Amino acid sequence: MKKVLFLVATIATLGFTSCNHAQQNAEKSAQDSIAAAARLDSIAKVKADSIQAAIKAAEEAATDTLKQVVEEVPAVN
């Protein structure tokens, strides 16, 4: 009888240990998923910022080009 109780206690201990390990793995997986999403959000933000900077630079270059053309055209009297 003692052996049966010892066997049941051992199996229960192993079961609890494996469940705790699975829970820790699930938590780590969730944290990794959150970190990956944050990294992708950061990359998307940098891309959007660089696109906005490129658009602004193109607009400024176009404005500068128009100013040069206006300055080079002689006034007609």
N, C-alpha and C. Protein backbone atom coordinates (compact mmCIF):
# COMPACT_ATOMS: atom_id res chain seq x y z
N MET A 1 0.82 -1.18 0.00
CA MET A 1 0.00 0.00 0.00
C MET A 1 0.87 1.26 0.00
N LYS A 2 1.98 1.18 0.75
CA LYS A 2 2.88 2.33 0.82
C LYS A 2 3.49 2.60 -0.57
N LYS A 3 3.78 1.52 -1.27
CA LYS A 3 4.37 1.68 -2.60
C LYS A 3 3.39 2.33 -3.56
N VAL A 4 2.12 1.98 -3.44
CA VAL A 4 1.10 2.55 -4.31
C VAL A 4 0.96 4.04 -4.03
N LEU A 5 0.90 4.43 -2.75
CA LEU A 5 0.80 5.84 -2.38
C LEU A 5 2.03 6.61 -2.83
N PHE A 6 3.21 6.00 -2.68
CA PHE A 6 4.44 6.65 -3.12
C PHE A 6 4.43 6.84 -4.64
N LEU A 7 3.94 5.83 -5.36
CA LEU A 7 3.86 5.90 -6.81
C LEU A 7 2.88 7.01 -7.24
N VAL A 8 1.73 7.08 -6.59
CA VAL A 8 0.75 8.11 -6.91
C VAL A 8 1.32 9.50 -6.59
N ALA A 9 2.00 9.66 -5.49
CA ALA A 9 2.60 10.94 -5.11
C ALA A 9 3.68 11.34 -6.12
N THR A 10 4.46 10.38 -6.55
CA THR A 10 5.51 10.66 -7.53
C THR A 10 4.91 11.10 -8.86
N ILE A 11 3.89 10.40 -9.31
CA ILE A 11 3.24 10.76 -10.58
C ILE A 11 2.59 12.13 -10.47
N ALA A 12 1.96 12.43 -9.34
CA ALA A 12 1.34 13.74 -9.15
C ALA A 12 2.39 14.84 -9.16
N THR A 13 3.52 14.60 -8.53
CA THR A 13 4.61 15.59 -8.51
C THR A 13 5.13 15.84 -9.92
N LEU A 14 5.35 14.79 -10.66
CA LEU A 14 5.81 14.94 -12.04
C LEU A 14 4.78 15.66 -12.90
N GLY A 15 3.51 15.37 -12.67
CA GLY A 15 2.45 16.03 -13.43
C GLY A 15 2.42 17.52 -13.15
N PHE A 16 2.51 17.90 -11.87
CA PHE A 16 2.51 19.32 -11.53
C PHE A 16 3.74 20.02 -12.09
N THR A 17 4.87 19.35 -12.05
CA THR A 17 6.10 19.94 -12.58
C THR A 17 5.99 20.18 -14.08
N SER A 18 5.46 19.22 -14.81
CA SER A 18 5.35 19.38 -16.26
C SER A 18 4.32 20.45 -16.61
N CYS A 19 3.24 20.55 -15.86
CA CYS A 19 2.24 21.59 -16.12
C CYS A 19 2.83 22.97 -15.87
N ASN A 20 3.61 23.11 -14.81
CA ASN A 20 4.24 24.39 -14.50
C ASN A 20 5.21 24.77 -15.61
N HIS A 21 5.95 23.81 -16.12
CA HIS A 21 6.90 24.06 -17.21
C HIS A 21 6.16 24.50 -18.47
N ALA A 22 5.04 23.86 -18.76
CA ALA A 22 4.25 24.24 -19.93
C ALA A 22 3.71 25.66 -19.78
N GLN A 23 3.30 26.02 -18.58
CA GLN A 23 2.77 27.36 -18.33
C GLN A 23 3.89 28.40 -18.51
N GLN A 24 5.07 28.09 -18.03
CA GLN A 24 6.20 29.01 -18.20
C GLN A 24 6.53 29.18 -19.68
N ASN A 25 6.48 28.08 -20.43
CA ASN A 25 6.73 28.17 -21.88
C ASN A 25 5.66 29.01 -22.57
N ALA A 26 4.41 28.88 -22.14
CA ALA A 26 3.34 29.68 -22.74
C ALA A 26 3.54 31.16 -22.43
N GLU A 27 3.94 31.48 -21.21
CA GLU A 27 4.19 32.87 -20.84
C GLU A 27 5.36 33.45 -21.64
N LYS A 28 6.43 32.66 -21.78
CA LYS A 28 7.58 33.12 -22.55
C LYS A 28 7.19 33.32 -24.01
N SER A 29 6.38 32.43 -24.54
CA SER A 29 5.92 32.56 -25.92
C SER A 29 5.10 33.82 -26.10
N ALA A 30 4.23 34.13 -25.14
CA ALA A 30 3.43 35.35 -25.21
C ALA A 30 4.31 36.58 -25.15
N GLN A 31 5.31 36.57 -24.29
CA GLN A 31 6.23 37.71 -24.19
C GLN A 31 7.03 37.88 -25.48
N ASP A 32 7.47 36.77 -26.07
CA ASP A 32 8.19 36.83 -27.34
C ASP A 32 7.30 37.39 -28.45
N SER A 33 6.03 36.99 -28.43
CA SER A 33 5.09 37.48 -29.43
C SER A 33 4.88 38.98 -29.29
N ILE A 34 4.76 39.46 -28.06
CA ILE A 34 4.59 40.89 -27.82
C ILE A 34 5.84 41.65 -28.26
N ALA A 35 7.00 41.10 -27.96
CA ALA A 35 8.25 41.75 -28.37
C ALA A 35 8.38 41.81 -29.89
N ALA A 36 7.97 40.74 -30.56
CA ALA A 36 8.04 40.72 -32.02
C ALA A 36 7.08 41.75 -32.62
N ALA A 37 5.89 41.85 -32.05
CA ALA A 37 4.92 42.84 -32.54
C ALA A 37 5.45 44.26 -32.32
N ALA A 38 6.07 44.49 -31.17
CA ALA A 38 6.63 45.82 -30.89
C ALA A 38 7.75 46.15 -31.88
N ARG A 39 8.56 45.16 -32.20
CA ARG A 39 9.65 45.37 -33.16
C ARG A 39 9.11 45.70 -34.54
N LEU A 40 8.07 44.98 -34.97
CA LEU A 40 7.46 45.25 -36.27
C LEU A 40 6.80 46.62 -36.30
N ASP A 41 6.18 47.01 -35.19
CA ASP A 41 5.59 48.36 -35.11
C ASP A 41 6.66 49.42 -35.22
N SER A 42 7.78 49.18 -34.58
CA SER A 42 8.88 50.14 -34.62
C SER A 42 9.42 50.28 -36.04
N ILE A 43 9.57 49.16 -36.72
CA ILE A 43 10.06 49.19 -38.11
C ILE A 43 9.07 49.92 -39.00
N ALA A 44 7.79 49.68 -38.81
CA ALA A 44 6.77 50.36 -39.62
C ALA A 44 6.80 51.86 -39.38
N LYS A 45 7.01 52.27 -38.13
CA LYS A 45 7.06 53.69 -37.81
C LYS A 45 8.27 54.35 -38.47
N VAL A 46 9.41 53.68 -38.44
CA VAL A 46 10.61 54.23 -39.08
C VAL A 46 10.40 54.36 -40.58
N LYS A 47 9.78 53.36 -41.20
CA LYS A 47 9.50 53.43 -42.64
C LYS A 47 8.56 54.59 -42.96
N ALA A 48 7.51 54.74 -42.15
CA ALA A 48 6.56 55.82 -42.39
C ALA A 48 7.24 57.18 -42.22
N ASP A 49 8.10 57.30 -41.20
CA ASP A 49 8.82 58.55 -40.99
C ASP A 49 9.76 58.86 -42.16
N SER A 50 10.43 57.83 -42.68
CA SER A 50 11.35 58.08 -43.79
C SER A 50 10.58 58.44 -45.06
N ILE A 51 9.41 57.85 -45.25
CA ILE A 51 8.60 58.20 -46.42
C ILE A 51 8.14 59.65 -46.30
N GLN A 52 7.70 60.05 -45.11
CA GLN A 52 7.28 61.44 -44.90
C GLN A 52 8.45 62.40 -45.14
N ALA A 53 9.64 62.03 -44.68
CA ALA A 53 10.82 62.88 -44.89
C ALA A 53 11.15 62.99 -46.37
N ALA A 54 11.02 61.89 -47.11
CA ALA A 54 11.29 61.91 -48.55
C ALA A 54 10.27 62.78 -49.28
N ILE A 55 9.01 62.70 -48.88
CA ILE A 55 7.98 63.54 -49.51
C ILE A 55 8.26 65.01 -49.24
N LYS A 56 8.60 65.31 -48.00
CA LYS A 56 8.90 66.71 -47.64
C LYS A 56 10.11 67.23 -48.42
N ALA A 57 11.14 66.41 -48.54
CA ALA A 57 12.34 66.82 -49.28
C ALA A 57 12.01 67.04 -50.75
N ALA A 58 11.17 66.18 -51.32
CA ALA A 58 10.78 66.34 -52.72
C ALA A 58 9.98 67.62 -52.93
N GLU A 59 9.08 67.91 -52.00
CA GLU A 59 8.30 69.15 -52.09
C GLU A 59 9.20 70.38 -52.00
N GLU A 60 10.16 70.35 -51.07
CA GLU A 60 11.09 71.47 -50.92
C GLU A 60 11.96 71.63 -52.16
N ALA A 61 12.39 70.53 -52.75
CA ALA A 61 13.21 70.60 -53.97
C ALA A 61 12.39 71.18 -55.13
N ALA A 62 11.12 70.79 -55.22
CA ALA A 62 10.26 71.32 -56.29
C ALA A 62 10.05 72.82 -56.09
N THR A 63 9.87 73.24 -54.85
CA THR A 63 9.68 74.66 -54.56
C THR A 63 10.94 75.45 -54.92
N ASP A 64 12.10 74.91 -54.56
CA ASP A 64 13.37 75.58 -54.89
C ASP A 64 13.54 75.69 -56.40
N THR A 65 13.19 74.66 -57.14
CA THR A 65 13.31 74.67 -58.59
C THR A 65 12.40 75.73 -59.19
N LEU A 66 11.19 75.86 -58.68
CA LEU A 66 10.27 76.88 -59.19
C LEU A 66 10.80 78.28 -58.90
N LYS A 67 11.39 78.49 -57.75
CA LYS A 67 11.96 79.79 -57.42
C LYS A 67 13.10 80.13 -58.36
N GLN A 68 13.92 79.15 -58.72
CA GLN A 68 15.03 79.39 -59.64
C GLN A 68 14.52 79.79 -61.01
N VAL A 69 13.48 79.15 -61.47
CA VAL A 69 12.92 79.46 -62.79
C VAL A 69 12.37 80.87 -62.79
N VAL A 70 11.67 81.26 -61.76
CA VAL A 70 11.10 82.60 -61.68
C VAL A 70 12.19 83.64 -61.64
N GLU A 71 13.28 83.39 -60.95
CA GLU A 71 14.38 84.35 -60.85
C GLU A 71 15.12 84.49 -62.18
N GLU A 72 15.18 83.42 -62.98
CA GLU A 72 15.93 83.46 -64.22
C GLU A 72 15.15 84.11 -65.36
N VAL A 73 13.84 84.15 -65.28
CA VAL A 73 13.04 84.74 -66.36
C VAL A 73 13.14 86.27 -66.25
N PRO A 74 13.57 86.94 -67.33
CA PRO A 74 13.66 88.39 -67.27
C PRO A 74 12.26 89.02 -67.31
N ALA A 75 12.18 90.15 -66.70
CA ALA A 75 10.91 90.87 -66.69
C ALA A 75 10.67 91.48 -68.06
N VAL A 76 9.46 91.39 -68.57
CA VAL A 76 9.10 91.93 -69.88
C VAL A 76 8.48 93.31 -69.67
N ASN A 77 9.04 94.32 -70.38
CA ASN A 77 8.53 95.70 -70.25
C ASN A 77 7.69 96.09 -71.40
